[in-house]
Amino acid sequence: CTGCPPLEQLAKQFADAGGELWLCPICLNSR
């Protein structure tokens, strides 16, 4: 959205701070 931070920046900030992204394996396999 207008004025919002870039999503890449948030993803990097999240990962750099030790955040984890867990993917549902069932959802992943179905896609």
Full PDB file with SEQRES, HELIX, SHEET, SSBOND, CRYST1, ORIGX, SCALE, CONECT and MASTER records, all heavy atoms in Angstrom:
SEQRES   1 A   31  CYS THR GLY CYS PRO PRO LEU GLU GLN LEU ALA LYS GLN          
SEQRES   2 A   31  PHE ALA ASP ALA GLY GLY GLU LEU TRP LEU CYS PRO ILE          
SEQRES   3 A   31  CYS LEU ASN SER ARG                                          
HELIX    1 AA1 LEU A    7  ASP A   16  1                                  10    
HELIX    2 AA2 PRO A   25  SER A   30  1                                   6    
SSBOND   1 CYS A    1    CYS A    4                          1555   1555  1.70  
CRYST1    1.000    1.000    1.000  90.00  90.00  90.00 P 1           1          
ORIGX1      1.000000  0.000000  0.000000        0.00000                         
ORIGX2      0.000000  1.000000  0.000000        0.00000                         
ORIGX3      0.000000  0.000000  1.000000        0.00000                         
SCALE1      1.000000  0.000000  0.000000        0.00000                         
SCALE2      0.000000  1.000000  0.000000        0.00000                         
SCALE3      0.000000  0.000000  1.000000        0.00000                         
ATOM      1  N   CYS A   1       0.841  -1.188   0.000  1.00  0.00           N  
ATOM      2  CA  CYS A   1       0.000   0.000   0.000  1.00  0.00           C  
ATOM      3  C   CYS A   1       0.884   1.250   0.000  1.00  0.00           C  
ATOM      4  O   CYS A   1       2.056   1.184   0.359  1.00  0.00           O  
ATOM      5  CB  CYS A   1      -0.942   0.001   1.193  1.00  0.00           C  
ATOM      6  SG  CYS A   1      -0.133  -0.107   2.797  1.00  0.00           S  
ATOM      7  N   THR A   2       0.308   2.361  -0.371  1.00  0.00           N  
ATOM      8  CA  THR A   2       1.043   3.624  -0.402  1.00  0.00           C  
ATOM      9  C   THR A   2       1.561   3.959   0.993  1.00  0.00           C  
ATOM     10  O   THR A   2       0.802   3.928   1.965  1.00  0.00           O  
ATOM     11  CB  THR A   2       0.130   4.751  -0.908  1.00  0.00           C  
ATOM     12  OG1 THR A   2      -0.377   4.387  -2.180  1.00  0.00           O  
ATOM     13  CG2 THR A   2       0.879   6.065  -1.004  1.00  0.00           C  
ATOM     14  N   GLY A   3       2.854   4.220   1.084  1.00  0.00           N  
ATOM     15  CA  GLY A   3       3.456   4.573   2.356  1.00  0.00           C  
ATOM     16  C   GLY A   3       3.864   3.393   3.218  1.00  0.00           C  
ATOM     17  O   GLY A   3       4.418   3.582   4.296  1.00  0.00           O  
ATOM     18  N   CYS A   4       3.577   2.178   2.759  1.00  0.00           N  
ATOM     19  CA  CYS A   4       3.933   0.978   3.517  1.00  0.00           C  
ATOM     20  C   CYS A   4       5.363   0.566   3.200  1.00  0.00           C  
ATOM     21  O   CYS A   4       5.840   0.808   2.097  1.00  0.00           O  
ATOM     22  CB  CYS A   4       2.995  -0.173   3.163  1.00  0.00           C  
ATOM     23  SG  CYS A   4       1.301   0.114   3.685  1.00  0.00           S  
ATOM     24  N   PRO A   5       6.036  -0.097   4.143  1.00  0.00           N  
ATOM     25  CA  PRO A   5       7.389  -0.558   3.867  1.00  0.00           C  
ATOM     26  C   PRO A   5       7.378  -1.688   2.840  1.00  0.00           C  
ATOM     27  O   PRO A   5       6.402  -2.438   2.755  1.00  0.00           O  
ATOM     28  CB  PRO A   5       7.890  -1.048   5.229  1.00  0.00           C  
ATOM     29  CG  PRO A   5       6.665  -1.384   5.991  1.00  0.00           C  
ATOM     30  CD  PRO A   5       5.595  -0.443   5.493  1.00  0.00           C  
ATOM     31  N   PRO A   6       8.448  -1.824   2.078  1.00  0.00           N  
ATOM     32  CA  PRO A   6       8.538  -2.936   1.126  1.00  0.00           C  
ATOM     33  C   PRO A   6       8.498  -4.272   1.871  1.00  0.00           C  
ATOM     34  O   PRO A   6       9.104  -4.416   2.937  1.00  0.00           O  
ATOM     35  CB  PRO A   6       9.897  -2.735   0.451  1.00  0.00           C  
ATOM     36  CG  PRO A   6      10.285  -1.327   0.728  1.00  0.00           C  
ATOM     37  CD  PRO A   6       9.616  -0.943   2.010  1.00  0.00           C  
ATOM     38  N   LEU A   7       7.790  -5.226   1.297  1.00  0.00           N  
ATOM     39  CA  LEU A   7       7.660  -6.527   1.940  1.00  0.00           C  
ATOM     40  C   LEU A   7       9.008  -7.235   2.060  1.00  0.00           C  
ATOM     41  O   LEU A   7       9.249  -7.947   3.036  1.00  0.00           O  
ATOM     42  CB  LEU A   7       6.650  -7.383   1.176  1.00  0.00           C  
ATOM     43  CG  LEU A   7       5.214  -6.872   1.257  1.00  0.00           C  
ATOM     44  CD1 LEU A   7       4.310  -7.637   0.317  1.00  0.00           C  
ATOM     45  CD2 LEU A   7       4.689  -6.930   2.685  1.00  0.00           C  
ATOM     46  N   GLU A   8       9.893  -7.033   1.099  1.00  0.00           N  
ATOM     47  CA  GLU A   8      11.224  -7.639   1.179  1.00  0.00           C  
ATOM     48  C   GLU A   8      11.960  -7.161   2.431  1.00  0.00           C  
ATOM     49  O   GLU A   8      12.663  -7.939   3.082  1.00  0.00           O  
ATOM     50  CB  GLU A   8      12.085  -7.280  -0.049  1.00  0.00           C  
ATOM     51  CG  GLU A   8      11.545  -7.736  -1.365  1.00  0.00           C  
ATOM     52  CD  GLU A   8      10.707  -6.675  -2.073  1.00  0.00           C  
ATOM     53  OE1 GLU A   8      10.199  -5.742  -1.420  1.00  0.00           O  
ATOM     54  OE2 GLU A   8      10.554  -6.793  -3.291  1.00  0.00           O  
ATOM     55  N   GLN A   9      11.795  -5.890   2.748  1.00  0.00           N  
ATOM     56  CA  GLN A   9      12.442  -5.308   3.934  1.00  0.00           C  
ATOM     57  C   GLN A   9      11.913  -5.965   5.203  1.00  0.00           C  
ATOM     58  O   GLN A   9      12.685  -6.309   6.097  1.00  0.00           O  
ATOM     59  CB  GLN A   9      12.183  -3.805   3.965  1.00  0.00           C  
ATOM     60  CG  GLN A   9      12.703  -3.091   5.187  1.00  0.00           C  
ATOM     61  CD  GLN A   9      12.293  -1.619   5.211  1.00  0.00           C  
ATOM     62  OE1 GLN A   9      12.113  -0.990   4.173  1.00  0.00           O  
ATOM     63  NE2 GLN A   9      12.133  -1.079   6.401  1.00  0.00           N  
ATOM     64  N   LEU A  10      10.586  -6.135   5.285  1.00  0.00           N  
ATOM     65  CA  LEU A  10      10.002  -6.775   6.464  1.00  0.00           C  
ATOM     66  C   LEU A  10      10.433  -8.225   6.577  1.00  0.00           C  
ATOM     67  O   LEU A  10      10.718  -8.716   7.673  1.00  0.00           O  
ATOM     68  CB  LEU A  10       8.476  -6.694   6.414  1.00  0.00           C  
ATOM     69  CG  LEU A  10       7.858  -5.371   6.810  1.00  0.00           C  
ATOM     70  CD1 LEU A  10       6.348  -5.421   6.610  1.00  0.00           C  
ATOM     71  CD2 LEU A  10       8.187  -5.015   8.241  1.00  0.00           C  
ATOM     72  N   ALA A  11      10.478  -8.931   5.456  1.00  0.00           N  
ATOM     73  CA  ALA A  11      10.891 -10.340   5.467  1.00  0.00           C  
ATOM     74  C   ALA A  11      12.327 -10.468   5.955  1.00  0.00           C  
ATOM     75  O   ALA A  11      12.652 -11.351   6.764  1.00  0.00           O  
ATOM     76  CB  ALA A  11      10.736 -10.945   4.080  1.00  0.00           C  
ATOM     77  N   LYS A  12      13.195  -9.580   5.486  1.00  0.00           N  
ATOM     78  CA  LYS A  12      14.596  -9.607   5.907  1.00  0.00           C  
ATOM     79  C   LYS A  12      14.717  -9.268   7.385  1.00  0.00           C  
ATOM     80  O   LYS A  12      15.439  -9.935   8.129  1.00  0.00           O  
ATOM     81  CB  LYS A  12      15.423  -8.646   5.063  1.00  0.00           C  
ATOM     82  CG  LYS A  12      16.905  -8.661   5.412  1.00  0.00           C  
ATOM     83  CD  LYS A  12      17.703  -7.768   4.494  1.00  0.00           C  
ATOM     84  CE  LYS A  12      19.185  -7.723   4.776  1.00  0.00           C  
ATOM     85  NZ  LYS A  12      19.699  -8.242   5.988  1.00  0.00           N  
ATOM     86  N   GLN A  13      14.015  -8.245   7.826  1.00  0.00           N  
ATOM     87  CA  GLN A  13      14.037  -7.853   9.235  1.00  0.00           C  
ATOM     88  C   GLN A  13      13.574  -9.013  10.116  1.00  0.00           C  
ATOM     89  O   GLN A  13      14.175  -9.298  11.150  1.00  0.00           O  
ATOM     90  CB  GLN A  13      13.149  -6.632   9.438  1.00  0.00           C  
ATOM     91  CG  GLN A  13      13.088  -6.120  10.859  1.00  0.00           C  
ATOM     92  CD  GLN A  13      12.157  -4.925  11.007  1.00  0.00           C  
ATOM     93  OE1 GLN A  13      11.789  -4.270  10.037  1.00  0.00           O  
ATOM     94  NE2 GLN A  13      11.755  -4.643  12.228  1.00  0.00           N  
ATOM     95  N   PHE A  14      12.511  -9.675   9.702  1.00  0.00           N  
ATOM     96  CA  PHE A  14      11.956 -10.808  10.439  1.00  0.00           C  
ATOM     97  C   PHE A  14      12.980 -11.941  10.530  1.00  0.00           C  
ATOM     98  O   PHE A  14      13.245 -12.466  11.615  1.00  0.00           O  
ATOM     99  CB  PHE A  14      10.669 -11.280   9.734  1.00  0.00           C  
ATOM    100  CG  PHE A  14      10.055 -12.504  10.335  1.00  0.00           C  
ATOM    101  CD1 PHE A  14       9.440 -12.457  11.580  1.00  0.00           C  
ATOM    102  CD2 PHE A  14      10.064 -13.705   9.652  1.00  0.00           C  
ATOM    103  CE1 PHE A  14       8.862 -13.587  12.129  1.00  0.00           C  
ATOM    104  CE2 PHE A  14       9.482 -14.837  10.189  1.00  0.00           C  
ATOM    105  CZ  PHE A  14       8.884 -14.780  11.438  1.00  0.00           C  
ATOM    106  N   ALA A  15      13.562 -12.305   9.404  1.00  0.00           N  
ATOM    107  CA  ALA A  15      14.541 -13.395   9.376  1.00  0.00           C  
ATOM    108  C   ALA A  15      15.804 -13.037  10.157  1.00  0.00           C  
ATOM    109  O   ALA A  15      16.327 -13.866  10.915  1.00  0.00           O  
ATOM    110  CB  ALA A  15      14.877 -13.752   7.937  1.00  0.00           C  
ATOM    111  N   ASP A  16      16.290 -11.817   9.985  1.00  0.00           N  
ATOM    112  CA  ASP A  16      17.510 -11.383  10.681  1.00  0.00           C  
ATOM    113  C   ASP A  16      17.349 -11.399  12.191  1.00  0.00           C  
ATOM    114  O   ASP A  16      18.323 -11.579  12.925  1.00  0.00           O  
ATOM    115  CB  ASP A  16      17.931  -9.985  10.218  1.00  0.00           C  
ATOM    116  CG  ASP A  16      18.498  -9.957   8.811  1.00  0.00           C  
ATOM    117  OD1 ASP A  16      18.747 -11.046   8.221  1.00  0.00           O  
ATOM    118  OD2 ASP A  16      18.672  -8.842   8.281  1.00  0.00           O  
ATOM    119  N   ALA A  17      16.129 -11.207  12.668  1.00  0.00           N  
ATOM    120  CA  ALA A  17      15.853 -11.211  14.113  1.00  0.00           C  
ATOM    121  C   ALA A  17      15.550 -12.615  14.627  1.00  0.00           C  
ATOM    122  O   ALA A  17      15.140 -12.785  15.774  1.00  0.00           O  
ATOM    123  CB  ALA A  17      14.698 -10.266  14.428  1.00  0.00           C  
ATOM    124  N   GLY A  18      15.743 -13.624  13.768  1.00  0.00           N  
ATOM    125  CA  GLY A  18      15.544 -15.002  14.201  1.00  0.00           C  
ATOM    126  C   GLY A  18      14.153 -15.556  13.998  1.00  0.00           C  
ATOM    127  O   GLY A  18      13.845 -16.650  14.471  1.00  0.00           O  
ATOM    128  N   GLY A  19      13.303 -14.819  13.292  1.00  0.00           N  
ATOM    129  CA  GLY A  19      11.945 -15.293  13.037  1.00  0.00           C  
ATOM    130  C   GLY A  19      11.943 -16.527  12.154  1.00  0.00           C  
ATOM    131  O   GLY A  19      12.833 -16.712  11.322  1.00  0.00           O  
ATOM    132  N   GLU A  20      10.956 -17.372  12.362  1.00  0.00           N  
ATOM    133  CA  GLU A  20      10.820 -18.594  11.570  1.00  0.00           C  
ATOM    134  C   GLU A  20       9.509 -18.574  10.802  1.00  0.00           C  
ATOM    135  O   GLU A  20       8.477 -18.181  11.328  1.00  0.00           O  
ATOM    136  CB  GLU A  20      10.865 -19.822  12.479  1.00  0.00           C  
ATOM    137  CG  GLU A  20      12.194 -19.994  13.184  1.00  0.00           C  
ATOM    138  CD  GLU A  20      12.233 -21.249  14.029  1.00  0.00           C  
ATOM    139  OE1 GLU A  20      11.564 -22.238  13.683  1.00  0.00           O  
ATOM    140  OE2 GLU A  20      12.938 -21.236  15.054  1.00  0.00           O  
ATOM    141  N   LEU A  21       9.580 -19.027   9.560  1.00  0.00           N  
ATOM    142  CA  LEU A  21       8.404 -19.167   8.706  1.00  0.00           C  
ATOM    143  C   LEU A  21       8.145 -20.656   8.558  1.00  0.00           C  
ATOM    144  O   LEU A  21       8.954 -21.372   7.980  1.00  0.00           O  
ATOM    145  CB  LEU A  21       8.672 -18.522   7.341  1.00  0.00           C  
ATOM    146  CG  LEU A  21       7.519 -18.522   6.348  1.00  0.00           C  
ATOM    147  CD1 LEU A  21       6.378 -17.625   6.844  1.00  0.00           C  
ATOM    148  CD2 LEU A  21       7.998 -18.048   4.986  1.00  0.00           C  
ATOM    149  N   TRP A  22       7.037 -21.124   9.119  1.00  0.00           N  
ATOM    150  CA  TRP A  22       6.681 -22.538   9.051  1.00  0.00           C  
ATOM    151  C   TRP A  22       5.609 -22.714   8.000  1.00  0.00           C  
ATOM    152  O   TRP A  22       4.564 -22.047   8.034  1.00  0.00           O  
ATOM    153  CB  TRP A  22       6.159 -23.038  10.384  1.00  0.00           C  
ATOM    154  CG  TRP A  22       7.197 -23.133  11.470  1.00  0.00           C  
ATOM    155  CD1 TRP A  22       8.531 -22.867  11.388  1.00  0.00           C  
ATOM    156  CD2 TRP A  22       6.954 -23.528  12.818  1.00  0.00           C  
ATOM    157  NE1 TRP A  22       9.137 -23.067  12.600  1.00  0.00           N  
ATOM    158  CE2 TRP A  22       8.197 -23.480  13.489  1.00  0.00           C  
ATOM    159  CE3 TRP A  22       5.824 -23.909  13.518  1.00  0.00           C  
ATOM    160  CZ2 TRP A  22       8.321 -23.812  14.839  1.00  0.00           C  
ATOM    161  CZ3 TRP A  22       5.955 -24.232  14.856  1.00  0.00           C  
ATOM    162  CH2 TRP A  22       7.188 -24.196  15.509  1.00  0.00           C  
ATOM    163  N   LEU A  23       5.838 -23.637   7.067  1.00  0.00           N  
ATOM    164  CA  LEU A  23       4.893 -23.903   5.990  1.00  0.00           C  
ATOM    165  C   LEU A  23       4.089 -25.158   6.308  1.00  0.00           C  
ATOM    166  O   LEU A  23       4.667 -26.189   6.628  1.00  0.00           O  
ATOM    167  CB  LEU A  23       5.637 -24.114   4.666  1.00  0.00           C  
ATOM    168  CG  LEU A  23       6.662 -23.065   4.259  1.00  0.00           C  
ATOM    169  CD1 LEU A  23       7.315 -23.468   2.954  1.00  0.00           C  
ATOM    170  CD2 LEU A  23       6.042 -21.704   4.166  1.00  0.00           C  
ATOM    171  N   CYS A  24       2.763 -25.058   6.193  1.00  0.00           N  
ATOM    172  CA  CYS A  24       1.916 -26.227   6.376  1.00  0.00           C  
ATOM    173  C   CYS A  24       2.276 -27.244   5.292  1.00  0.00           C  
ATOM    174  O   CYS A  24       2.144 -26.950   4.105  1.00  0.00           O  
ATOM    175  CB  CYS A  24       0.452 -25.822   6.261  1.00  0.00           C  
ATOM    176  SG  CYS A  24      -0.673 -27.222   6.154  1.00  0.00           S  
ATOM    177  N   PRO A  25       2.740 -28.435   5.660  1.00  0.00           N  
ATOM    178  CA  PRO A  25       3.159 -29.398   4.638  1.00  0.00           C  
ATOM    179  C   PRO A  25       2.014 -29.892   3.760  1.00  0.00           C  
ATOM    180  O   PRO A  25       2.218 -30.130   2.578  1.00  0.00           O  
ATOM    181  CB  PRO A  25       3.797 -30.531   5.445  1.00  0.00           C  
ATOM    182  CG  PRO A  25       3.268 -30.388   6.825  1.00  0.00           C  
ATOM    183  CD  PRO A  25       2.957 -28.934   7.017  1.00  0.00           C  
ATOM    184  N   ILE A  26       0.850 -30.010   4.315  1.00  0.00           N  
ATOM    185  CA  ILE A  26      -0.301 -30.469   3.517  1.00  0.00           C  
ATOM    186  C   ILE A  26      -0.665 -29.421   2.477  1.00  0.00           C  
ATOM    187  O   ILE A  26      -0.889 -29.729   1.300  1.00  0.00           O  
ATOM    188  CB  ILE A  26      -1.506 -30.794   4.427  1.00  0.00           C  
ATOM    189  CG1 ILE A  26      -1.158 -31.985   5.327  1.00  0.00           C  
ATOM    190  CG2 ILE A  26      -2.759 -31.075   3.601  1.00  0.00           C  
ATOM    191  CD1 ILE A  26      -2.134 -32.226   6.451  1.00  0.00           C  
ATOM    192  N   CYS A  27      -0.703 -28.156   2.909  1.00  0.00           N  
ATOM    193  CA  CYS A  27      -1.014 -27.058   1.978  1.00  0.00           C  
ATOM    194  C   CYS A  27       0.063 -26.942   0.902  1.00  0.00           C  
ATOM    195  O   CYS A  27      -0.230 -26.721  -0.275  1.00  0.00           O  
ATOM    196  CB  CYS A  27      -1.118 -25.739   2.738  1.00  0.00           C  
ATOM    197  SG  CYS A  27      -2.395 -25.718   4.004  1.00  0.00           S  
ATOM    198  N   LEU A  28       1.314 -27.090   1.305  1.00  0.00           N  
ATOM    199  CA  LEU A  28       2.422 -26.995   0.368  1.00  0.00           C  
ATOM    200  C   LEU A  28       2.347 -28.090  -0.691  1.00  0.00           C  
ATOM    201  O   LEU A  28       2.472 -27.814  -1.892  1.00  0.00           O  
ATOM    202  CB  LEU A  28       3.752 -27.069   1.130  1.00  0.00           C  
ATOM    203  CG  LEU A  28       5.010 -26.871   0.322  1.00  0.00           C  
ATOM    204  CD1 LEU A  28       5.039 -25.486  -0.307  1.00  0.00           C  
ATOM    205  CD2 LEU A  28       6.225 -27.079   1.199  1.00  0.00           C  
ATOM    206  N   ASN A  29       2.104 -29.310  -0.262  1.00  0.00           N  
ATOM    207  CA  ASN A  29       2.023 -30.426  -1.211  1.00  0.00           C  
ATOM    208  C   ASN A  29       0.849 -30.299  -2.170  1.00  0.00           C  
ATOM    209  O   ASN A  29       0.924 -30.740  -3.306  1.00  0.00           O  
ATOM    210  CB  ASN A  29       1.947 -31.762  -0.463  1.00  0.00           C  
ATOM    211  CG  ASN A  29       3.264 -32.137   0.170  1.00  0.00           C  
ATOM    212  OD1 ASN A  29       4.323 -31.698  -0.272  1.00  0.00           O  
ATOM    213  ND2 ASN A  29       3.203 -32.916   1.220  1.00  0.00           N  
ATOM    214  N   SER A  30      -0.234 -29.683  -1.716  1.00  0.00           N  
ATOM    215  CA  SER A  30      -1.402 -29.556  -2.584  1.00  0.00           C  
ATOM    216  C   SER A  30      -1.250 -28.433  -3.604  1.00  0.00           C  
ATOM    217  O   SER A  30      -2.020 -28.326  -4.537  1.00  0.00           O  
ATOM    218  CB  SER A  30      -2.670 -29.313  -1.758  1.00  0.00           C  
ATOM    219  OG  SER A  30      -2.671 -28.029  -1.196  1.00  0.00           O  
ATOM    220  N   ARG A  31      -0.228 -27.616  -3.435  1.00  0.00           N  
ATOM    221  CA  ARG A  31       0.001 -26.509  -4.361  1.00  0.00           C  
ATOM    222  C   ARG A  31       1.243 -26.740  -5.186  1.00  0.00           C  
ATOM    223  O   ARG A  31       1.682 -26.035  -5.972  1.00  0.00           O  
ATOM    224  CB  ARG A  31       0.078 -25.193  -3.597  1.00  0.00           C  
ATOM    225  CG  ARG A  31      -1.321 -24.784  -3.182  1.00  0.00           C  
ATOM    226  CD  ARG A  31      -1.337 -23.780  -2.052  1.00  0.00           C  
ATOM    227  NE  ARG A  31      -2.704 -23.409  -1.769  1.00  0.00           N  
ATOM    228  CZ  ARG A  31      -3.535 -24.143  -1.042  1.00  0.00           C  
ATOM    229  NH1 ARG A  31      -3.168 -25.275  -0.511  1.00  0.00           N  
ATOM    230  NH2 ARG A  31      -4.777 -23.721  -0.839  1.00  0.00           N  
TER     231      ARG A  31                                                      
CONECT    6   23                                                                
CONECT   23    6                                                                
MASTER        0    0    0    2    0    0    0    6  230    1    2    3          
END                                                                             
